[in-house]
Each structure stands twice: as structure tokens, then as C-alpha cells.
C-alpha atoms as a PDB file:
ATOM      1  CA  MET A   1       0.000   0.000   0.000  1.00  0.00           C
ATOM      2  CA  THR A   2       1.294   3.462  -0.805  1.00  0.00           C
ATOM      3  CA  THR A   3       0.384   6.921   0.375  1.00  0.00           C
ATOM      4  CA  ARG A   4       0.845  10.399  -1.044  1.00  0.00           C
ATOM      5  CA  ILE A   5       3.154  12.999   0.500  1.00  0.00           C
ATOM      6  CA  ASN A   6       2.842  16.662  -0.401  1.00  0.00           C
ATOM      7  CA  PHE A   7       5.597  19.141   0.409  1.00  0.00           C
ATOM      8  CA  ASN A   8       6.925  22.438  -0.870  1.00  0.00           C
ATOM      9  CA  ILE A   9      10.123  22.586  -2.876  1.00  0.00           C
ATOM     10  CA  ASP A  10      11.858  25.282  -4.886  1.00  0.00           C
ATOM     11  CA  LYS A  11      10.765  25.127  -8.547  1.00  0.00           C
ATOM     12  CA  LYS A  12      14.336  25.170  -9.871  1.00  0.00           C
ATOM     13  CA  LEU A  13      15.379  22.396  -7.483  1.00  0.00           C
ATOM     14  CA  LYS A  14      12.395  20.273  -8.531  1.00  0.00           C
ATOM     15  CA  ALA A  15      13.158  20.797 -12.220  1.00  0.00           C
ATOM     16  CA  ALA A  16      16.825  19.899 -11.703  1.00  0.00           C
ATOM     17  CA  ALA A  17      15.867  16.768  -9.734  1.00  0.00           C
ATOM     18  CA  ILE A  18      13.419  15.647 -12.434  1.00  0.00           C
ATOM     19  CA  LYS A  19      16.041  16.251 -15.121  1.00  0.00           C
ATOM     20  CA  LYS A  20      18.691  14.281 -13.241  1.00  0.00           C
ATOM     21  CA  ALA A  21      16.285  11.411 -12.478  1.00  0.00           C
ATOM     22  CA  LYS A  22      15.252  11.213 -16.150  1.00  0.00           C
ATOM     23  CA  LYS A  23      18.912  11.196 -17.165  1.00  0.00           C
ATOM     24  CA  ILE A  24      19.417   7.951 -15.245  1.00  0.00           C
ATOM     25  CA  GLY A  25      16.080   6.570 -16.421  1.00  0.00           C
ATOM     26  CA  LEU A  26      14.043   6.902 -13.237  1.00  0.00           C
ATOM     27  CA  PRO A  27      10.958   8.866 -12.275  1.00  0.00           C
ATOM     28  CA  LEU A  28      11.516  11.350  -9.456  1.00  0.00           C
ATOM     29  CA  SER A  29       9.127   9.373  -7.236  1.00  0.00           C
ATOM     30  CA  THR A  30      11.508   6.390  -7.332  1.00  0.00           C
ATOM     31  CA  VAL A  31      14.432   8.595  -6.338  1.00  0.00           C
ATOM     32  CA  LEU A  32      12.435  10.080  -3.462  1.00  0.00           C
ATOM     33  CA  ASN A  33      11.269   6.639  -2.315  1.00  0.00           C
ATOM     34  CA  GLN A  34      14.855   5.385  -2.266  1.00  0.00           C
ATOM     35  CA  ALA A  35      16.037   8.500  -0.431  1.00  0.00           C
ATOM     36  CA  THR A  36      13.299   8.046   2.174  1.00  0.00           C
ATOM     37  CA  ARG A  37      14.211   4.376   2.608  1.00  0.00           C
ATOM     38  CA  ALA A  38      17.904   5.258   3.017  1.00  0.00           C
ATOM     39  CA  PHE A  39      17.001   7.924   5.583  1.00  0.00           C
ATOM     40  CA  VAL A  40      14.895   5.482   7.617  1.00  0.00           C
ATOM     41  CA  GLU A  41      17.644   2.849   7.500  1.00  0.00           C
ATOM     42  CA  GLU A  42      20.184   5.470   8.646  1.00  0.00           C
ATOM     43  CA  ASP A  43      22.111   5.029   5.430  1.00  0.00           C
ATOM     44  CA  MET A  44      21.874   8.706   4.467  1.00  0.00           C
ATOM     45  CA  GLN A  45      23.221  11.842   6.091  1.00  0.00           C
ATOM     46  CA  ILE A  46      21.152  15.013   6.233  1.00  0.00           C
ATOM     47  CA  GLY A  47      23.143  18.208   6.554  1.00  0.00           C
ATOM     48  CA  PHE A  48      25.489  18.021   9.507  1.00  0.00           C
ATOM     49  CA  PHE A  49      23.563  15.193  11.195  1.00  0.00           C
ATOM     50  CA  SER A  50      25.831  12.258  10.573  1.00  0.00           C
ATOM     51  CA  HIS A  51      25.058   8.885  12.132  1.00  0.00           C
ATOM     52  CA  ALA A  52      27.994   9.312  14.533  1.00  0.00           C
ATOM     53  CA  LEU A  53      26.768  12.737  15.647  1.00  0.00           C
ATOM     54  CA  VAL A  54      23.267  11.419  16.320  1.00  0.00           C
ATOM     55  CA  ASP A  55      24.800   8.581  18.382  1.00  0.00           C
ATOM     56  CA  ASP A  56      26.960  11.051  20.342  1.00  0.00           C
ATOM     57  CA  ILE A  57      23.953  13.241  21.093  1.00  0.00           C
ATOM     58  CA  GLY A  58      22.058  10.187  22.355  1.00  0.00           C
ATOM     59  CA  LEU A  59      24.972   9.200  24.605  1.00  0.00           C
ATOM     60  CA  ALA A  60      25.238  12.753  25.948  1.00  0.00           C
ATOM     61  CA  ARG A  61      21.511  12.833  26.737  1.00  0.00           C
ATOM     62  CA  ASP A  62      21.865   9.511  28.559  1.00  0.00           C
ATOM     63  CA  ASP A  63      24.799  10.910  30.583  1.00  0.00           C
ATOM     64  CA  ILE A  64      22.752  13.976  31.539  1.00  0.00           C
ATOM     65  CA  ARG A  65      19.782  11.810  32.510  1.00  0.00           C
ATOM     66  CA  HIS A  66      21.964   9.669  34.778  1.00  0.00           C
ATOM     67  CA  GLY A  67      23.941  12.523  36.323  1.00  0.00           C
ATOM     68  CA  ARG A  68      27.250  11.622  34.672  1.00  0.00           C
ATOM     69  CA  MET A  69      28.030  15.178  33.583  1.00  0.00           C
ATOM     70  CA  LEU A  70      30.588  17.558  35.072  1.00  0.00           C
ATOM     71  CA  SER A  71      30.250  21.308  35.115  1.00  0.00           C
ATOM     72  CA  HIS A  72      32.927  23.249  33.266  1.00  0.00           C
ATOM     73  CA  ASP A  73      34.595  24.256  36.552  1.00  0.00           C
ATOM     74  CA  ASP A  74      34.577  20.670  37.876  1.00  0.00           C
ATOM     75  CA  LEU A  75      36.027  19.406  34.614  1.00  0.00           C
ATOM     76  CA  VAL A  76      38.856  21.961  34.738  1.00  0.00           C
ATOM     77  CA  LYS A  77      39.607  20.986  38.360  1.00  0.00           C
ATOM     78  CA  GLU A  78      39.638  17.294  37.454  1.00  0.00           C
ATOM     79  CA  LEU A  79      41.923  17.851  34.461  1.00  0.00           C
ATOM     80  CA  ARG A  80      44.326  19.949  36.544  1.00  0.00           C
ATOM     81  CA  SER A  81      44.489  17.318  39.270  1.00  0.00           C
ATOM     82  CA  ALA A  82      45.194  14.630  36.653  1.00  0.00           C
ATOM     83  CA  ASP A  83      48.220  16.637  35.449  1.00  0.00           C
ATOM     84  CA  ASN A  84      49.744  16.648  38.949  1.00  0.00           C
END
């Protein structure tokens, strides 16, 4: 079963995407379906959100939730004491 998605896109970008898809023999809908599938399977990066960055953010949130974070001042104190 399929469903329809409507979204706004710049006209020039849409035209360029259609042209490129046609050049490789595919309709734009196939390209968008594959891109969506790759995004869901975490096989595609969007902007600066790489898979590693998303993982790091999740780990940081878990540390905050469990009280495993140091304030800046405490971190500086701990680093200075490690040097001595």
C-alpha cells in the first residue's frame, strides 16, 4: 500500500531533480522513495547530522539523565588534578 506525500520545494530544485532522475532513467518518485528508505535505514546523512553525531547526542543525553556530567569548573579541576 502506498500513500501520497505533499511538500513544498523550490521550482528550480524540482526541475533539476526531475532532469537528473530522467537522465538515469528513473521517475523522481523512485528517487524520493529510495532517499526516504535510506534515511529510515540510517544510510543517508542530512546536513550536519551524521550517524555518529546522532549517536553522540544520544549518549550525551543519557549521561545527563543519569547525572554523569561535570560542570565546566569541575572538569577543569579534574583535568588539573590529573596533570599533577
